[in-house]
Amino acid sequence: MVFDYKKEYKNLYIVKNVPEIIEIPEITYLAVRGNGDPNIEDGEYKKAIELLYTVMYTIKMSKKTDKRITNYFDFVVPPLEGFWWQDGIKGVDYSHKEKFSWISLIRLPEFVQEDIKWAVSEASKKKKLDYSKIEILHYKEGLSVQCMHIGPYNNEFETVEKMDKYIEEKGYRLDINDYRYHHEIYLSDVRKVASDKLKTVIRHPIKKI
C-alpha cells in the first residue's frame, strides 16, 4: 500500500473552502529558499521546484536501486508548498512580484534522515545541477487559520479577507512575522488545471487577542 499524506492527514491538506482554526505540529520539509517573480520562465523559483522534485523522486525510487533506506515505505510525493513574503509590505503586492521572497517546500517522509545526502548526490549525478541550496527544514507552524482557495493565485486576497474576518470574530489576530509566514499548499498541477479551478490551501499563523 502506497502511503499518501494527503489522505492520511486530510485535516492538513483536503480542507474546506470555509476558514477553520487548527494547530499544526512540527513537520520536516525538503526546502529551497529564494527571491523573485515565480512566473519567470527558467527563473529561480522554477529551478528550485526542479531541485526539490528530483531529490524527492530519487528518495521514492530508491526501492529500484541497491540503496536500502532504513524503515523505507513507498509513498506518494506530497504536494508542493510555499512560504511567501515581501519585505516592507503588509499583505501582498501582486503588481511587484519581483519583490517576493519565498521558501519552497515538500514534506519529507519520516524515515528520511542521513539518506538525504545520498539522494542529493544521486540527483546531482543524473541532472548535473547545483543542489547546494537544498536544506532540511524542521518547522512547527503552530496555531493557524486555513481555508481552501479555488481559483487564480492573484485572487487569493478574496479568501484571505474571509479568513481575516473569521479570526477577528473568533477573538484572534494575524501573527505573520519574520518566523511565521503566509503559507500556500498547491493541490493542483498548474500545467493541467484551468486557473479558475486551481485548489490551494492558504494558511496563516494567528494568536489570541
C-alpha atoms as a PDB file:
ATOM      1  CA  MET A   1       0.000   0.000   0.000  1.00  0.00           C
ATOM      2  CA  VAL A   2       1.464   3.365  -1.033  1.00  0.00           C
ATOM      3  CA  PHE A   3       1.301   5.933   1.768  1.00  0.00           C
ATOM      4  CA  ASP A   4      -0.448   9.170   0.739  1.00  0.00           C
ATOM      5  CA  TYR A   5      -0.005  12.099   3.134  1.00  0.00           C
ATOM      6  CA  LYS A   6      -2.996  13.945   1.666  1.00  0.00           C
ATOM      7  CA  LYS A   7      -5.283  11.028   2.547  1.00  0.00           C
ATOM      8  CA  GLU A   8      -3.703  10.203   5.900  1.00  0.00           C
ATOM      9  CA  TYR A   9      -3.671  13.828   7.080  1.00  0.00           C
ATOM     10  CA  LYS A  10      -6.812  15.192   5.474  1.00  0.00           C
ATOM     11  CA  ASN A  11      -7.102  17.951   8.086  1.00  0.00           C
ATOM     12  CA  LEU A  12      -3.838  19.450   6.734  1.00  0.00           C
ATOM     13  CA  TYR A  13      -4.463  19.110   3.001  1.00  0.00           C
ATOM     14  CA  ILE A  14      -8.063  18.407   1.997  1.00  0.00           C
ATOM     15  CA  VAL A  15      -9.620  21.351   3.787  1.00  0.00           C
ATOM     16  CA  LYS A  16     -12.961  23.101   3.274  1.00  0.00           C
ATOM     17  CA  ASN A  17     -13.493  26.392   1.479  1.00  0.00           C
ATOM     18  CA  VAL A  18     -14.583  27.965   4.760  1.00  0.00           C
ATOM     19  CA  PRO A  19     -11.986  29.095   7.333  1.00  0.00           C
ATOM     20  CA  GLU A  20     -11.046  26.896  10.272  1.00  0.00           C
ATOM     21  CA  ILE A  21      -8.610  27.200  13.169  1.00  0.00           C
ATOM     22  CA  ILE A  22      -6.076  24.389  13.550  1.00  0.00           C
ATOM     23  CA  GLU A  23      -2.925  23.534  15.486  1.00  0.00           C
ATOM     24  CA  ILE A  24      -0.173  22.405  13.105  1.00  0.00           C
ATOM     25  CA  PRO A  25       2.512  20.064  14.522  1.00  0.00           C
ATOM     26  CA  GLU A  26       6.195  20.152  13.630  1.00  0.00           C
ATOM     27  CA  ILE A  27       6.789  18.871  10.090  1.00  0.00           C
ATOM     28  CA  THR A  28      10.092  18.162   8.376  1.00  0.00           C
ATOM     29  CA  TYR A  29      10.488  19.542   4.872  1.00  0.00           C
ATOM     30  CA  LEU A  30      12.909  19.468   1.982  1.00  0.00           C
ATOM     31  CA  ALA A  31      13.326  23.173   1.224  1.00  0.00           C
ATOM     32  CA  VAL A  32      14.910  25.735  -1.105  1.00  0.00           C
ATOM     33  CA  ARG A  33      14.972  29.484  -0.375  1.00  0.00           C
ATOM     34  CA  GLY A  34      14.934  32.200  -2.996  1.00  0.00           C
ATOM     35  CA  ASN A  35      13.709  35.541  -4.257  1.00  0.00           C
ATOM     36  CA  GLY A  36      11.885  36.952  -7.253  1.00  0.00           C
ATOM     37  CA  ASP A  37       8.880  36.543  -9.510  1.00  0.00           C
ATOM     38  CA  PRO A  38       7.732  32.893  -9.551  1.00  0.00           C
ATOM     39  CA  ASN A  39       6.320  33.246 -13.064  1.00  0.00           C
ATOM     40  CA  ILE A  40       9.609  33.929 -14.836  1.00  0.00           C
ATOM     41  CA  GLU A  41      10.358  31.139 -17.290  1.00  0.00           C
ATOM     42  CA  ASP A  42      13.507  29.290 -16.218  1.00  0.00           C
ATOM     43  CA  GLY A  43      13.714  31.652 -13.231  1.00  0.00           C
ATOM     44  CA  GLU A  44      14.973  30.971  -9.716  1.00  0.00           C
ATOM     45  CA  TYR A  45      11.612  29.733  -8.437  1.00  0.00           C
ATOM     46  CA  LYS A  46      11.075  27.160 -11.181  1.00  0.00           C
ATOM     47  CA  LYS A  47      14.650  25.937 -10.782  1.00  0.00           C
ATOM     48  CA  ALA A  48      14.041  25.493  -7.051  1.00  0.00           C
ATOM     49  CA  ILE A  49      10.984  23.349  -7.748  1.00  0.00           C
ATOM     50  CA  GLU A  50      13.019  21.151 -10.094  1.00  0.00           C
ATOM     51  CA  LEU A  51      15.636  20.633  -7.387  1.00  0.00           C
ATOM     52  CA  LEU A  52      13.006  19.630  -4.834  1.00  0.00           C
ATOM     53  CA  TYR A  53      11.222  17.152  -7.077  1.00  0.00           C
ATOM     54  CA  THR A  54      14.346  15.447  -8.390  1.00  0.00           C
ATOM     55  CA  VAL A  55      15.557  14.782  -4.839  1.00  0.00           C
ATOM     56  CA  MET A  56      12.115  13.617  -3.677  1.00  0.00           C
ATOM     57  CA  TYR A  57      11.743  11.207  -6.592  1.00  0.00           C
ATOM     58  CA  THR A  58      15.276   9.926  -6.034  1.00  0.00           C
ATOM     59  CA  ILE A  59      14.213   9.011  -2.488  1.00  0.00           C
ATOM     60  CA  LYS A  60      10.944   7.463  -3.649  1.00  0.00           C
ATOM     61  CA  MET A  61      12.582   5.399  -6.400  1.00  0.00           C
ATOM     62  CA  SER A  62      15.425   4.164  -4.203  1.00  0.00           C
ATOM     63  CA  LYS A  63      13.373   0.963  -3.963  1.00  0.00           C
ATOM     64  CA  LYS A  64      14.528   0.169  -7.514  1.00  0.00           C
ATOM     65  CA  THR A  65      18.215   0.600  -6.714  1.00  0.00           C
ATOM     66  CA  ASP A  66      20.745  -1.155  -4.494  1.00  0.00           C
ATOM     67  CA  LYS A  67      20.237   1.553  -1.856  1.00  0.00           C
ATOM     68  CA  ARG A  68      18.385   0.272   1.212  1.00  0.00           C
ATOM     69  CA  ILE A  69      16.951   3.099   3.317  1.00  0.00           C
ATOM     70  CA  THR A  70      16.142   2.099   6.882  1.00  0.00           C
ATOM     71  CA  ASN A  71      12.381   1.968   7.581  1.00  0.00           C
ATOM     72  CA  TYR A  72      11.602   2.906   3.961  1.00  0.00           C
ATOM     73  CA  PHE A  73       7.963   2.801   2.891  1.00  0.00           C
ATOM     74  CA  ASP A  74       6.599   3.643  -0.546  1.00  0.00           C
ATOM     75  CA  PHE A  75       4.798   6.991  -0.675  1.00  0.00           C
ATOM     76  CA  VAL A  76       3.040   9.442  -2.933  1.00  0.00           C
ATOM     77  CA  VAL A  77       5.253  12.526  -3.200  1.00  0.00           C
ATOM     78  CA  PRO A  78       3.446  15.163  -1.082  1.00  0.00           C
ATOM     79  CA  PRO A  79       2.230  18.394  -2.679  1.00  0.00           C
ATOM     80  CA  LEU A  80       4.461  21.379  -3.255  1.00  0.00           C
ATOM     81  CA  GLU A  81       4.145  24.089  -0.604  1.00  0.00           C
ATOM     82  CA  GLY A  82       5.464  27.609  -0.210  1.00  0.00           C
ATOM     83  CA  PHE A  83       6.120  30.275   2.405  1.00  0.00           C
ATOM     84  CA  TRP A  84       5.848  33.766   0.899  1.00  0.00           C
ATOM     85  CA  TRP A  85       6.600  37.334   1.978  1.00  0.00           C
ATOM     86  CA  GLN A  86       7.583  40.755   0.647  1.00  0.00           C
ATOM     87  CA  ASP A  87       9.858  42.865   2.822  1.00  0.00           C
ATOM     88  CA  GLY A  88       8.305  46.140   3.928  1.00  0.00           C
ATOM     89  CA  ILE A  89       4.872  45.248   2.546  1.00  0.00           C
ATOM     90  CA  LYS A  90       1.801  44.371   4.587  1.00  0.00           C
ATOM     91  CA  GLY A  91      -0.118  41.706   2.719  1.00  0.00           C
ATOM     92  CA  VAL A  92       0.818  41.049  -0.912  1.00  0.00           C
ATOM     93  CA  ASP A  93       1.502  43.463  -3.761  1.00  0.00           C
ATOM     94  CA  TYR A  94       0.818  41.372  -6.870  1.00  0.00           C
ATOM     95  CA  SER A  95       1.944  44.237  -9.108  1.00  0.00           C
ATOM     96  CA  HIS A  96       5.508  43.760  -7.839  1.00  0.00           C
ATOM     97  CA  LYS A  97       6.067  40.003  -7.838  1.00  0.00           C
ATOM     98  CA  GLU A  98       9.783  40.616  -8.295  1.00  0.00           C
ATOM     99  CA  LYS A  99       9.821  41.615  -4.599  1.00  0.00           C
ATOM    100  CA  PHE A 100       8.745  38.176  -3.410  1.00  0.00           C
ATOM    101  CA  SER A 101      10.910  36.148  -1.071  1.00  0.00           C
ATOM    102  CA  TRP A 102       9.955  32.520  -0.662  1.00  0.00           C
ATOM    103  CA  ILE A 103      10.782  29.108   0.725  1.00  0.00           C
ATOM    104  CA  SER A 104       9.619  26.255  -1.499  1.00  0.00           C
ATOM    105  CA  LEU A 105       8.895  23.049   0.393  1.00  0.00           C
ATOM    106  CA  ILE A 106       7.907  19.418   0.067  1.00  0.00           C
ATOM    107  CA  ARG A 107       7.160  17.336   3.141  1.00  0.00           C
ATOM    108  CA  LEU A 108       9.721  14.623   3.826  1.00  0.00           C
ATOM    109  CA  PRO A 109       8.714  11.106   4.879  1.00  0.00           C
ATOM    110  CA  GLU A 110       9.656  10.384   8.473  1.00  0.00           C
ATOM    111  CA  PHE A 111      12.243   7.733   7.551  1.00  0.00           C
ATOM    112  CA  VAL A 112      14.461  10.208   5.667  1.00  0.00           C
ATOM    113  CA  GLN A 113      17.459  11.178   7.777  1.00  0.00           C
ATOM    114  CA  GLU A 114      21.097  10.948   6.698  1.00  0.00           C
ATOM    115  CA  ASP A 115      19.824   9.412   3.444  1.00  0.00           C
ATOM    116  CA  ILE A 116      19.197  12.908   2.131  1.00  0.00           C
ATOM    117  CA  LYS A 117      22.914  13.276   1.398  1.00  0.00           C
ATOM    118  CA  TRP A 118      22.782  10.145  -0.732  1.00  0.00           C
ATOM    119  CA  ALA A 119      19.663  11.383  -2.567  1.00  0.00           C
ATOM    120  CA  VAL A 120      21.220  14.772  -3.316  1.00  0.00           C
ATOM    121  CA  SER A 121      24.386  13.098  -4.577  1.00  0.00           C
ATOM    122  CA  GLU A 122      22.422  10.754  -6.840  1.00  0.00           C
ATOM    123  CA  ALA A 123      20.265  13.565  -8.206  1.00  0.00           C
ATOM    124  CA  SER A 124      23.376  15.642  -8.897  1.00  0.00           C
ATOM    125  CA  LYS A 125      24.920  12.823 -10.933  1.00  0.00           C
ATOM    126  CA  LYS A 126      21.793  12.429 -13.053  1.00  0.00           C
ATOM    127  CA  LYS A 127      20.763  16.054 -13.573  1.00  0.00           C
ATOM    128  CA  LYS A 128      24.134  17.843 -13.408  1.00  0.00           C
ATOM    129  CA  LEU A 129      22.549  20.660 -11.364  1.00  0.00           C
ATOM    130  CA  ASP A 130      23.735  22.626  -8.334  1.00  0.00           C
ATOM    131  CA  TYR A 131      21.922  21.238  -5.294  1.00  0.00           C
ATOM    132  CA  SER A 132      23.747  23.375  -2.723  1.00  0.00           C
ATOM    133  CA  LYS A 133      20.531  25.311  -1.926  1.00  0.00           C
ATOM    134  CA  ILE A 134      18.726  22.180  -0.733  1.00  0.00           C
ATOM    135  CA  GLU A 135      18.136  22.148   3.029  1.00  0.00           C
ATOM    136  CA  ILE A 136      16.172  20.259   5.647  1.00  0.00           C
ATOM    137  CA  LEU A 137      13.689  22.479   7.473  1.00  0.00           C
ATOM    138  CA  HIS A 138      12.056  21.420  10.751  1.00  0.00           C
ATOM    139  CA  TYR A 139       9.121  23.772  11.149  1.00  0.00           C
ATOM    140  CA  LYS A 140       6.361  23.958  13.757  1.00  0.00           C
ATOM    141  CA  GLU A 141       3.637  26.193  12.371  1.00  0.00           C
ATOM    142  CA  GLY A 142       1.505  26.108  15.499  1.00  0.00           C
ATOM    143  CA  LEU A 143      -1.839  27.860  15.843  1.00  0.00           C
ATOM    144  CA  SER A 144      -3.167  28.782  12.398  1.00  0.00           C
ATOM    145  CA  VAL A 145      -6.219  29.562  10.315  1.00  0.00           C
ATOM    146  CA  GLN A 146      -6.590  27.797   6.986  1.00  0.00           C
ATOM    147  CA  CYS A 147      -9.017  27.731   4.080  1.00  0.00           C
ATOM    148  CA  MET A 148      -9.233  26.219   0.604  1.00  0.00           C
ATOM    149  CA  HIS A 149      -8.881  28.783  -2.156  1.00  0.00           C
ATOM    150  CA  ILE A 150     -10.345  27.818  -5.518  1.00  0.00           C
ATOM    151  CA  GLY A 151      -9.267  29.979  -8.441  1.00  0.00           C
ATOM    152  CA  PRO A 152      -6.295  32.010  -9.695  1.00  0.00           C
ATOM    153  CA  TYR A 153      -3.443  32.843  -7.336  1.00  0.00           C
ATOM    154  CA  ASN A 154      -3.976  36.553  -7.976  1.00  0.00           C
ATOM    155  CA  ASN A 155      -7.459  36.255  -6.462  1.00  0.00           C
ATOM    156  CA  GLU A 156      -6.230  34.824  -3.174  1.00  0.00           C
ATOM    157  CA  PHE A 157      -6.949  38.133  -1.449  1.00  0.00           C
ATOM    158  CA  GLU A 158     -10.664  37.215  -1.552  1.00  0.00           C
ATOM    159  CA  THR A 159     -10.057  34.092   0.535  1.00  0.00           C
ATOM    160  CA  VAL A 160      -7.604  35.928   2.799  1.00  0.00           C
ATOM    161  CA  GLU A 161     -10.230  38.595   3.548  1.00  0.00           C
ATOM    162  CA  LYS A 162     -12.652  35.839   4.507  1.00  0.00           C
ATOM    163  CA  MET A 163     -10.032  34.308   6.796  1.00  0.00           C
ATOM    164  CA  ASP A 164      -9.235  37.666   8.420  1.00  0.00           C
ATOM    165  CA  LYS A 165     -12.898  38.325   9.157  1.00  0.00           C
ATOM    166  CA  TYR A 166     -13.303  34.843  10.638  1.00  0.00           C
ATOM    167  CA  ILE A 167     -10.390  35.079  13.068  1.00  0.00           C
ATOM    168  CA  GLU A 168     -11.475  38.550  14.199  1.00  0.00           C
ATOM    169  CA  GLU A 169     -14.915  37.171  15.049  1.00  0.00           C
ATOM    170  CA  LYS A 170     -13.288  34.317  16.989  1.00  0.00           C
ATOM    171  CA  GLY A 171     -11.011  36.614  19.033  1.00  0.00           C
ATOM    172  CA  TYR A 172      -7.719  36.022  17.210  1.00  0.00           C
ATOM    173  CA  ARG A 173      -5.415  38.187  15.159  1.00  0.00           C
ATOM    174  CA  LEU A 174      -2.924  37.588  12.378  1.00  0.00           C
ATOM    175  CA  ASP A 175       0.598  36.747  13.554  1.00  0.00           C
ATOM    176  CA  ILE A 176       2.697  36.900  10.380  1.00  0.00           C
ATOM    177  CA  ASN A 177       6.280  37.959  11.209  1.00  0.00           C
ATOM    178  CA  ASP A 178       9.901  37.100  10.395  1.00  0.00           C
ATOM    179  CA  TYR A 179       9.398  33.495  11.542  1.00  0.00           C
ATOM    180  CA  ARG A 180       5.732  32.825  10.721  1.00  0.00           C
ATOM    181  CA  TYR A 181       4.648  33.100   7.106  1.00  0.00           C
ATOM    182  CA  HIS A 182       1.860  33.260   4.563  1.00  0.00           C
ATOM    183  CA  HIS A 183       1.666  29.586   3.614  1.00  0.00           C
ATOM    184  CA  GLU A 184       0.309  28.005   0.424  1.00  0.00           C
ATOM    185  CA  ILE A 185      -0.168  24.309  -0.381  1.00  0.00           C
ATOM    186  CA  TYR A 186      -0.677  23.538  -4.071  1.00  0.00           C
ATOM    187  CA  LEU A 187      -3.114  20.692  -4.681  1.00  0.00           C
ATOM    188  CA  SER A 188      -3.464  21.266  -8.447  1.00  0.00           C
ATOM    189  CA  ASP A 189      -0.999  20.955 -11.300  1.00  0.00           C
ATOM    190  CA  VAL A 190      -0.987  24.418 -12.852  1.00  0.00           C
ATOM    191  CA  ARG A 191       0.074  22.866 -16.179  1.00  0.00           C
ATOM    192  CA  LYS A 192      -3.057  20.731 -16.370  1.00  0.00           C
ATOM    193  CA  VAL A 193      -5.794  22.594 -14.484  1.00  0.00           C
ATOM    194  CA  ALA A 194      -7.604  25.755 -15.608  1.00  0.00           C
ATOM    195  CA  SER A 195      -6.788  28.761 -13.420  1.00  0.00           C
ATOM    196  CA  ASP A 196     -10.378  29.125 -12.180  1.00  0.00           C
ATOM    197  CA  LYS A 197     -10.264  25.549 -10.848  1.00  0.00           C
ATOM    198  CA  LEU A 198      -6.889  25.622  -9.093  1.00  0.00           C
ATOM    199  CA  LYS A 199      -7.056  24.358  -5.494  1.00  0.00           C
ATOM    200  CA  THR A 200      -4.692  25.982  -2.997  1.00  0.00           C
ATOM    201  CA  VAL A 201      -4.725  25.671   0.776  1.00  0.00           C
ATOM    202  CA  ILE A 202      -3.978  29.057   2.319  1.00  0.00           C
ATOM    203  CA  ARG A 203      -2.729  29.016   5.908  1.00  0.00           C
ATOM    204  CA  HIS A 204      -1.875  31.939   8.185  1.00  0.00           C
ATOM    205  CA  PRO A 205      -0.377  31.970  11.681  1.00  0.00           C
ATOM    206  CA  ILE A 206      -2.598  33.525  14.347  1.00  0.00           C
ATOM    207  CA  LYS A 207      -2.659  34.217  18.063  1.00  0.00           C
ATOM    208  CA  LYS A 208      -5.274  35.041  20.646  1.00  0.00           C
ATOM    209  CA  ILE A 209      -6.060  38.720  21.129  1.00  0.00           C
END
